C-alpha cells in the first residue's frame, strides 16, 4: 500500500480564495509542484477560505509540499496585492497553516 496524506492551508482572511484567479493560481501551483517533485496529486479541493490537497506521499513529504505551496503562492499573492498576505503567518491566532 502506498503512502497517502493531505494538507490544508487556511487563508489569512475569510473569502480570500473566492477570486477565480487566485483559485486557479493556487491549484496550478500545486500541480506544478507535484510534477516537479514527482508527488502524485490525488485531489485539490478549495472553498472560500482554504485549500486541501490529497497527495500520494508520506506525511513528511506532505509537510514539504505544503511549505512549498505556501511559499510560492504567498510570494505571488503579495506581489499582486501590494504586499498583502494570502496565508498569513503560522503565529496567527488560529495557530494553523
C-alpha atoms as a PDB file:
ATOM      1  CA  UNK A   1       0.000   0.000   0.000  1.00  0.00           C
ATOM      2  CA  UNK A   2       1.358   3.404  -0.911  1.00  0.00           C
ATOM      3  CA  UNK A   3       1.533   6.326   1.492  1.00  0.00           C
ATOM      4  CA  UNK A   4      -1.195   8.961   1.314  1.00  0.00           C
ATOM      5  CA  UNK A   5      -1.504  12.259   3.132  1.00  0.00           C
ATOM      6  CA  UNK A   6      -3.362  15.504   2.817  1.00  0.00           C
ATOM      7  CA  UNK A   7      -2.520  19.068   3.691  1.00  0.00           C
ATOM      8  CA  UNK A   8      -4.741  22.072   4.279  1.00  0.00           C
ATOM      9  CA  UNK A   9      -3.709  25.698   4.033  1.00  0.00           C
ATOM     10  CA  UNK A  10      -6.111  28.225   5.538  1.00  0.00           C
ATOM     11  CA  UNK A  11      -6.290  31.739   4.151  1.00  0.00           C
ATOM     12  CA  UNK A  12      -5.493  34.623   6.442  1.00  0.00           C
ATOM     13  CA  UNK A  13      -8.796  36.360   5.679  1.00  0.00           C
ATOM     14  CA  UNK A  14     -12.229  34.821   5.094  1.00  0.00           C
ATOM     15  CA  UNK A  15     -13.097  34.696   1.416  1.00  0.00           C
ATOM     16  CA  UNK A  16      -9.530  35.112   0.176  1.00  0.00           C
ATOM     17  CA  UNK A  17      -9.940  32.161  -2.189  1.00  0.00           C
ATOM     18  CA  UNK A  18     -13.248  33.302  -3.703  1.00  0.00           C
ATOM     19  CA  UNK A  19     -11.459  35.012  -6.599  1.00  0.00           C
ATOM     20  CA  UNK A  20     -11.195  32.700  -9.627  1.00  0.00           C
ATOM     21  CA  UNK A  21      -7.703  33.957 -10.475  1.00  0.00           C
ATOM     22  CA  UNK A  22      -6.407  33.189  -7.006  1.00  0.00           C
ATOM     23  CA  UNK A  23      -8.036  29.750  -7.057  1.00  0.00           C
ATOM     24  CA  UNK A  24      -6.563  28.908 -10.475  1.00  0.00           C
ATOM     25  CA  UNK A  25      -3.097  30.057  -9.399  1.00  0.00           C
ATOM     26  CA  UNK A  26      -3.154  28.041  -6.175  1.00  0.00           C
ATOM     27  CA  UNK A  27      -4.365  24.921  -7.990  1.00  0.00           C
ATOM     28  CA  UNK A  28      -1.940  25.219 -10.897  1.00  0.00           C
ATOM     29  CA  UNK A  29       0.933  25.843  -8.484  1.00  0.00           C
ATOM     30  CA  UNK A  30       0.007  22.674  -6.576  1.00  0.00           C
ATOM     31  CA  UNK A  31       0.039  20.655  -9.802  1.00  0.00           C
ATOM     32  CA  UNK A  32       3.344  22.204 -10.887  1.00  0.00           C
ATOM     33  CA  UNK A  33       4.974  21.276  -7.570  1.00  0.00           C
ATOM     34  CA  UNK A  34       3.646  17.734  -7.959  1.00  0.00           C
ATOM     35  CA  UNK A  35       5.069  17.455 -11.469  1.00  0.00           C
ATOM     36  CA  UNK A  36       8.423  18.902 -10.432  1.00  0.00           C
ATOM     37  CA  UNK A  37       8.803  16.687  -7.361  1.00  0.00           C
ATOM     38  CA  UNK A  38       7.113  13.523  -8.595  1.00  0.00           C
ATOM     39  CA  UNK A  39       4.454  13.697  -5.869  1.00  0.00           C
ATOM     40  CA  UNK A  40       1.088  12.435  -7.098  1.00  0.00           C
ATOM     41  CA  UNK A  41      -1.737  14.936  -6.642  1.00  0.00           C
ATOM     42  CA  UNK A  42      -4.847  12.893  -5.970  1.00  0.00           C
ATOM     43  CA  UNK A  43      -7.230  15.790  -5.385  1.00  0.00           C
ATOM     44  CA  UNK A  44      -7.259  19.575  -4.914  1.00  0.00           C
ATOM     45  CA  UNK A  45     -10.312  20.925  -3.092  1.00  0.00           C
ATOM     46  CA  UNK A  46     -10.926  24.572  -2.319  1.00  0.00           C
ATOM     47  CA  UNK A  47     -13.531  26.630  -0.599  1.00  0.00           C
ATOM     48  CA  UNK A  48     -13.523  30.367   0.024  1.00  0.00           C
ATOM     49  CA  UNK A  49     -11.156  30.062   2.977  1.00  0.00           C
ATOM     50  CA  UNK A  50      -8.831  27.101   2.402  1.00  0.00           C
ATOM     51  CA  UNK A  51      -7.248  24.617   0.036  1.00  0.00           C
ATOM     52  CA  UNK A  52      -6.813  20.916   0.771  1.00  0.00           C
ATOM     53  CA  UNK A  53      -4.523  18.782  -1.359  1.00  0.00           C
ATOM     54  CA  UNK A  54      -4.615  14.981  -1.158  1.00  0.00           C
ATOM     55  CA  UNK A  55      -1.194  13.578  -2.013  1.00  0.00           C
ATOM     56  CA  UNK A  56       0.312  10.220  -2.779  1.00  0.00           C
ATOM     57  CA  UNK A  57       3.171  10.643  -0.313  1.00  0.00           C
ATOM     58  CA  UNK A  58       4.010  10.202   3.346  1.00  0.00           C
ATOM     59  CA  UNK A  59       3.322  12.857   5.986  1.00  0.00           C
ATOM     60  CA  UNK A  60       6.828  14.357   5.858  1.00  0.00           C
ATOM     61  CA  UNK A  61       6.564  14.737   2.086  1.00  0.00           C
ATOM     62  CA  UNK A  62       3.169  16.399   2.547  1.00  0.00           C
ATOM     63  CA  UNK A  63       4.632  18.908   5.000  1.00  0.00           C
ATOM     64  CA  UNK A  64       7.354  19.810   2.499  1.00  0.00           C
ATOM     65  CA  UNK A  65       4.746  20.096  -0.238  1.00  0.00           C
ATOM     66  CA  UNK A  66       2.628  22.418   1.934  1.00  0.00           C
ATOM     67  CA  UNK A  67       5.615  24.611   2.716  1.00  0.00           C
ATOM     68  CA  UNK A  68       6.474  24.969  -0.970  1.00  0.00           C
ATOM     69  CA  UNK A  69       2.867  25.644  -1.989  1.00  0.00           C
ATOM     70  CA  UNK A  70       2.581  28.258   0.725  1.00  0.00           C
ATOM     71  CA  UNK A  71       5.905  29.896  -0.155  1.00  0.00           C
ATOM     72  CA  UNK A  72       5.240  30.176  -3.883  1.00  0.00           C
ATOM     73  CA  UNK A  73       1.638  31.323  -3.684  1.00  0.00           C
ATOM     74  CA  UNK A  74       2.388  33.749  -0.844  1.00  0.00           C
ATOM     75  CA  UNK A  75       5.085  35.424  -2.944  1.00  0.00           C
ATOM     76  CA  UNK A  76       2.793  35.645  -5.979  1.00  0.00           C
ATOM     77  CA  UNK A  77      -0.137  36.994  -3.945  1.00  0.00           C
ATOM     78  CA  UNK A  78       1.969  39.620  -2.145  1.00  0.00           C
ATOM     79  CA  UNK A  79       3.303  40.839  -5.498  1.00  0.00           C
ATOM     80  CA  UNK A  80      -0.205  41.113  -6.988  1.00  0.00           C
ATOM     81  CA  UNK A  81      -1.872  42.610  -3.906  1.00  0.00           C
ATOM     82  CA  UNK A  82       0.545  45.279  -2.690  1.00  0.00           C
ATOM     83  CA  UNK A  83       2.265  43.203  -0.027  1.00  0.00           C
ATOM     84  CA  UNK A  84      -0.889  41.598   1.377  1.00  0.00           C
ATOM     85  CA  UNK A  85      -0.545  38.106   2.785  1.00  0.00           C
ATOM     86  CA  UNK A  86      -2.647  35.215   1.469  1.00  0.00           C
ATOM     87  CA  UNK A  87      -1.875  32.676   4.159  1.00  0.00           C
ATOM     88  CA  UNK A  88      -0.645  34.844   6.992  1.00  0.00           C
ATOM     89  CA  UNK A  89       1.953  33.618   9.426  1.00  0.00           C
ATOM     90  CA  UNK A  90       1.949  30.454  11.473  1.00  0.00           C
ATOM     91  CA  UNK A  91       1.853  32.718  14.544  1.00  0.00           C
ATOM     92  CA  UNK A  92      -1.662  33.955  13.711  1.00  0.00           C
ATOM     93  CA  UNK A  93      -4.440  33.432  16.221  1.00  0.00           C
ATOM     94  CA  UNK A  94      -5.621  30.209  14.601  1.00  0.00           C
ATOM     95  CA  UNK A  95      -2.203  28.644  15.001  1.00  0.00           C
ATOM     96  CA  UNK A  96      -2.668  26.756  11.745  1.00  0.00           C
ATOM     97  CA  UNK A  97      -1.110  26.920   8.328  1.00  0.00           C
END
